[in-house]
Amino acid sequence: MSKTQRTREICALAPIVPVLVVDDTAQARPLAEALVAGGLPALEVTLRTPAALDAIRAMADVPGGVVGAGTLVTPEDVRAAKEAGAQFGVSPGATDILIAACEAEGLPLLPGAATASEAMRLLEKGYDMLKFFPAEASGGAPALKAIGAPLPQIKFCPTGGVSPENARDYLSLSNVVCAGGSWVAPKQMVIDGDWAGIENLARAASKLMD
């Protein structure tokens, strides 16, 4: 039984999952609205700023959006993310304790793996939708293609160094459902409140598999 069916459904909503670092809670809702309007409904808010949990709370009410929490490392992260309204979680790696916390909270998890052994261990636990991280530093699309050959039952969301220039290289792979990218919400555009510009970037990213 796959423990990542819901995660795979979320990943399949669009080619790109925006990876968001939110510094100001006031920016959260309009940012989410712009990305969803542009065709990217699944949003990952990284727990790297003091505003992150409040940002998740604000984004959780955006119609059509599915907000998740990224950079889950501890059980405390998992519980806080779930309480804030996160509908899925993303982790740079995976530990037994973190997986147990997500399962206890009923939070669908996209766990990270960078090697065949890590992917196989997660598969043993029922996880067949994984984050390939850090994607570019781990060998990029050629490495992910090579890992996929003997493990065709595992699907991936490569994240880390994915850009408009190389996204299609990843998305063309048979074992890739989507990719995580931060370029759809550039920091300066968020600071400037250029929501129309962000919507345009999202719209372009939503068509990367066309």
Protein backbone atom coordinates (compact mmCIF):
# COMPACT_ATOMS: atom_id res chain seq x y z
CA MET A 1 0.00 0.00 0.00
CA SER A 2 1.47 3.31 -1.07
CA LYS A 3 1.63 5.85 1.74
CA THR A 4 2.21 8.60 -0.79
CA GLN A 5 -0.88 8.36 -3.00
CA ARG A 6 -2.19 11.73 -1.78
CA THR A 7 1.27 13.26 -2.14
CA ARG A 8 1.46 12.00 -5.71
CA GLU A 9 -1.98 13.48 -6.45
CA ILE A 10 -0.81 16.87 -5.15
CA CYS A 11 2.41 16.69 -7.14
CA ALA A 12 0.42 15.91 -10.29
CA LEU A 13 -1.59 19.14 -10.06
CA ALA A 14 1.02 21.13 -12.01
CA PRO A 15 4.52 20.73 -13.46
CA ILE A 16 6.08 23.06 -10.87
CA VAL A 17 5.60 23.28 -7.11
CA PRO A 18 6.70 26.77 -6.04
CA VAL A 19 9.22 26.66 -3.19
CA LEU A 20 8.47 29.79 -1.17
CA VAL A 21 10.43 31.68 1.48
CA VAL A 22 8.00 34.16 3.04
CA ASP A 23 9.43 36.94 5.21
CA ASP A 24 6.27 39.01 5.64
CA THR A 25 2.91 37.41 6.45
CA ALA A 26 1.12 40.25 4.65
CA GLN A 27 2.60 38.98 1.38
CA ALA A 28 1.36 35.41 1.85
CA ARG A 29 -2.21 35.54 0.61
CA PRO A 30 -1.64 37.73 -2.48
CA LEU A 31 1.40 35.62 -3.37
CA ALA A 32 -0.64 32.42 -3.14
CA GLU A 33 -3.49 33.96 -5.12
CA ALA A 34 -1.11 34.99 -7.91
CA LEU A 35 0.50 31.55 -8.13
CA VAL A 36 -2.84 29.71 -8.09
CA ALA A 37 -4.25 32.09 -10.72
CA GLY A 38 -1.21 31.33 -12.85
CA GLY A 39 -1.92 27.61 -12.72
CA LEU A 40 0.32 26.45 -9.85
CA PRO A 41 -2.02 25.32 -7.05
CA ALA A 42 0.41 23.26 -4.93
CA LEU A 43 2.57 25.58 -2.82
CA GLU A 44 5.48 24.71 -0.54
CA VAL A 45 6.20 27.26 2.19
CA THR A 46 9.59 26.54 3.70
CA LEU A 47 9.85 26.74 7.48
CA ARG A 48 12.93 28.94 7.26
CA THR A 49 11.49 32.24 8.45
CA PRO A 50 9.60 33.39 11.57
CA ALA A 51 6.64 34.25 9.31
CA ALA A 52 6.37 30.79 7.73
CA LEU A 53 3.64 29.27 9.89
CA ASP A 54 1.49 32.41 9.74
CA ALA A 55 2.04 32.44 5.97
CA ILE A 56 0.71 28.88 5.78
CA ARG A 57 -2.33 29.93 7.80
CA ALA A 58 -3.00 32.81 5.40
CA MET A 59 -2.50 30.69 2.28
CA ALA A 60 -4.64 27.81 3.55
CA ASP A 61 -7.77 29.87 2.84
CA VAL A 62 -6.93 30.67 -0.78
CA PRO A 63 -9.50 29.00 -3.07
CA GLY A 64 -7.97 26.37 -5.33
CA GLY A 65 -4.67 26.29 -3.46
CA VAL A 66 -3.05 23.34 -1.70
CA VAL A 67 -0.47 24.66 0.74
CA GLY A 68 2.26 22.53 2.23
CA ALA A 69 5.15 23.03 4.61
CA GLY A 70 8.70 22.53 3.48
CA THR A 71 11.92 21.89 5.36
CA LEU A 72 10.24 19.58 7.88
CA VAL A 73 13.05 18.23 10.08
CA THR A 74 11.57 17.45 13.50
CA PRO A 75 8.27 16.11 14.87
CA GLU A 76 7.70 19.60 16.28
CA ASP A 77 7.88 20.99 12.74
CA VAL A 78 5.30 18.46 11.62
CA ARG A 79 2.84 19.24 14.41
CA ALA A 80 3.21 23.01 13.94
CA ALA A 81 2.74 22.73 10.18
CA LYS A 82 -0.37 20.60 10.53
CA GLU A 83 -1.83 22.96 13.13
CA ALA A 84 -1.21 25.90 10.79
CA GLY A 85 -3.24 24.25 8.06
CA ALA A 86 -0.59 22.57 5.90
CA GLN A 87 -2.09 19.87 3.67
CA PHE A 88 1.21 18.17 2.91
CA GLY A 89 4.81 18.22 4.09
CA VAL A 90 8.18 18.22 2.34
CA SER A 91 11.49 17.19 3.86
CA PRO A 92 15.07 17.47 2.54
CA GLY A 93 15.65 13.88 3.69
CA ALA A 94 13.86 11.30 5.77
CA THR A 95 14.25 9.82 9.24
CA ASP A 96 12.14 7.20 11.00
CA ILE A 97 11.13 9.75 13.63
CA LEU A 98 10.01 12.32 11.05
CA ILE A 99 8.06 9.73 9.05
CA ALA A 100 6.35 8.49 12.20
CA ALA A 101 5.37 12.05 13.15
CA CYS A 102 3.81 12.69 9.73
CA GLU A 103 1.91 9.42 9.87
CA ALA A 104 0.69 10.19 13.39
CA GLU A 105 -0.55 13.61 12.27
CA GLY A 106 -2.02 12.30 9.02
CA LEU A 107 0.16 14.71 7.04
CA PRO A 108 1.05 13.44 3.53
CA LEU A 109 4.83 13.58 3.21
CA LEU A 110 7.15 14.12 0.26
CA PRO A 111 10.41 12.78 1.75
CA GLY A 112 13.79 13.57 0.26
CA ALA A 113 16.26 11.10 -1.23
CA ALA A 114 19.42 11.59 -3.27
CA THR A 115 20.66 8.01 -3.73
CA ALA A 116 19.26 4.65 -4.81
CA SER A 117 19.72 3.26 -1.29
CA GLU A 118 17.75 6.13 0.27
CA ALA A 119 15.00 5.68 -2.31
CA MET A 120 14.87 1.92 -1.69
CA ARG A 121 14.61 2.39 2.08
CA LEU A 122 11.67 4.73 1.61
CA LEU A 123 10.05 2.34 -0.84
CA GLU A 124 10.28 -0.39 1.83
CA LYS A 125 8.25 1.90 4.11
CA GLY A 126 5.57 2.40 1.45
CA TYR A 127 6.81 5.72 0.04
CA ASP A 128 6.97 5.75 -3.76
CA MET A 129 6.68 9.50 -4.40
CA LEU A 130 9.93 11.17 -3.35
CA LYS A 131 11.74 14.48 -3.52
CA PHE A 132 15.08 14.20 -5.36
CA PHE A 133 17.24 16.67 -3.44
CA PRO A 134 19.54 18.45 -3.97
CA ALA A 135 18.80 17.75 -7.63
CA GLU A 136 21.53 19.61 -9.50
CA ALA A 137 24.23 18.96 -6.90
CA SER A 138 23.34 15.24 -6.98
CA GLY A 139 23.97 14.92 -10.70
CA GLY A 140 20.91 16.54 -12.20
CA ALA A 141 18.54 14.96 -14.70
CA PRO A 142 21.07 12.32 -15.90
CA ALA A 143 21.49 11.03 -12.33
CA LEU A 144 17.75 10.92 -11.73
CA LYS A 145 17.23 9.09 -15.01
CA ALA A 146 19.87 6.54 -14.00
CA ILE A 147 18.32 6.01 -10.56
CA GLY A 148 14.93 5.57 -12.18
CA ALA A 149 15.97 2.77 -14.52
CA PRO A 150 16.13 0.01 -11.85
CA LEU A 151 13.42 1.64 -9.69
CA PRO A 152 10.59 2.40 -12.13
CA GLN A 153 7.94 2.16 -9.40
CA ILE A 154 9.27 5.30 -7.69
CA LYS A 155 8.30 8.77 -8.91
CA PHE A 156 10.17 11.96 -8.05
CA CYS A 157 9.88 15.71 -7.59
CA PRO A 158 13.39 17.06 -8.23
CA THR A 159 14.18 20.19 -6.22
CA GLY A 160 17.33 22.22 -5.73
CA GLY A 161 18.87 24.06 -8.64
CA VAL A 162 15.87 23.51 -10.92
CA SER A 163 15.41 26.53 -13.17
CA PRO A 164 13.51 27.57 -16.31
CA GLU A 165 16.61 26.56 -18.27
CA ASN A 166 16.78 22.95 -17.06
CA ALA A 167 13.23 22.22 -15.86
CA ARG A 168 12.23 20.48 -19.09
CA ASP A 169 15.24 18.15 -18.77
CA TYR A 170 13.73 16.85 -15.53
CA LEU A 171 10.08 16.98 -16.56
CA SER A 172 10.79 14.90 -19.67
CA LEU A 173 11.88 11.94 -17.51
CA SER A 174 9.37 9.11 -17.08
CA ASN A 175 9.95 9.01 -13.31
CA VAL A 176 9.31 12.72 -12.72
CA VAL A 177 5.83 13.97 -11.81
CA CYS A 178 6.75 17.60 -11.13
CA ALA A 179 9.68 19.74 -10.02
CA GLY A 180 10.15 22.20 -7.18
CA GLY A 181 11.26 25.69 -8.14
CA SER A 182 11.72 29.06 -6.49
CA TRP A 183 12.06 31.19 -9.63
CA VAL A 184 8.28 31.66 -9.94
CA ALA A 185 8.34 33.93 -6.87
CA PRO A 186 11.52 36.08 -7.08
CA LYS A 187 12.25 37.85 -3.81
CA GLN A 188 12.27 41.33 -5.33
CA MET A 189 8.94 40.81 -7.08
CA VAL A 190 7.43 39.64 -3.78
CA ILE A 191 8.85 42.70 -1.97
CA ASP A 192 7.50 44.97 -4.71
CA GLY A 193 4.10 43.30 -4.62
CA ASP A 194 4.32 42.55 -8.33
CA TRP A 195 1.60 39.92 -8.19
CA ALA A 196 0.76 40.26 -11.90
CA GLY A 197 4.38 39.54 -12.76
CA ILE A 198 4.41 36.50 -10.50
CA GLU A 199 1.17 35.26 -12.05
CA ASN A 200 2.81 35.52 -15.47
CA LEU A 201 5.84 33.51 -14.29
CA ALA A 202 3.50 30.90 -12.82
CA ARG A 203 1.53 30.70 -16.06
CA ALA A 204 4.69 30.07 -18.05
CA ALA A 205 5.82 27.40 -15.54
CA SER A 206 2.41 25.71 -15.67
CA LYS A 207 2.94 25.05 -19.39
CA LEU A 208 6.37 23.42 -19.11
CA MET A 209 4.92 19.98 -19.80
CA ASP A 210 2.81 21.08 -22.79
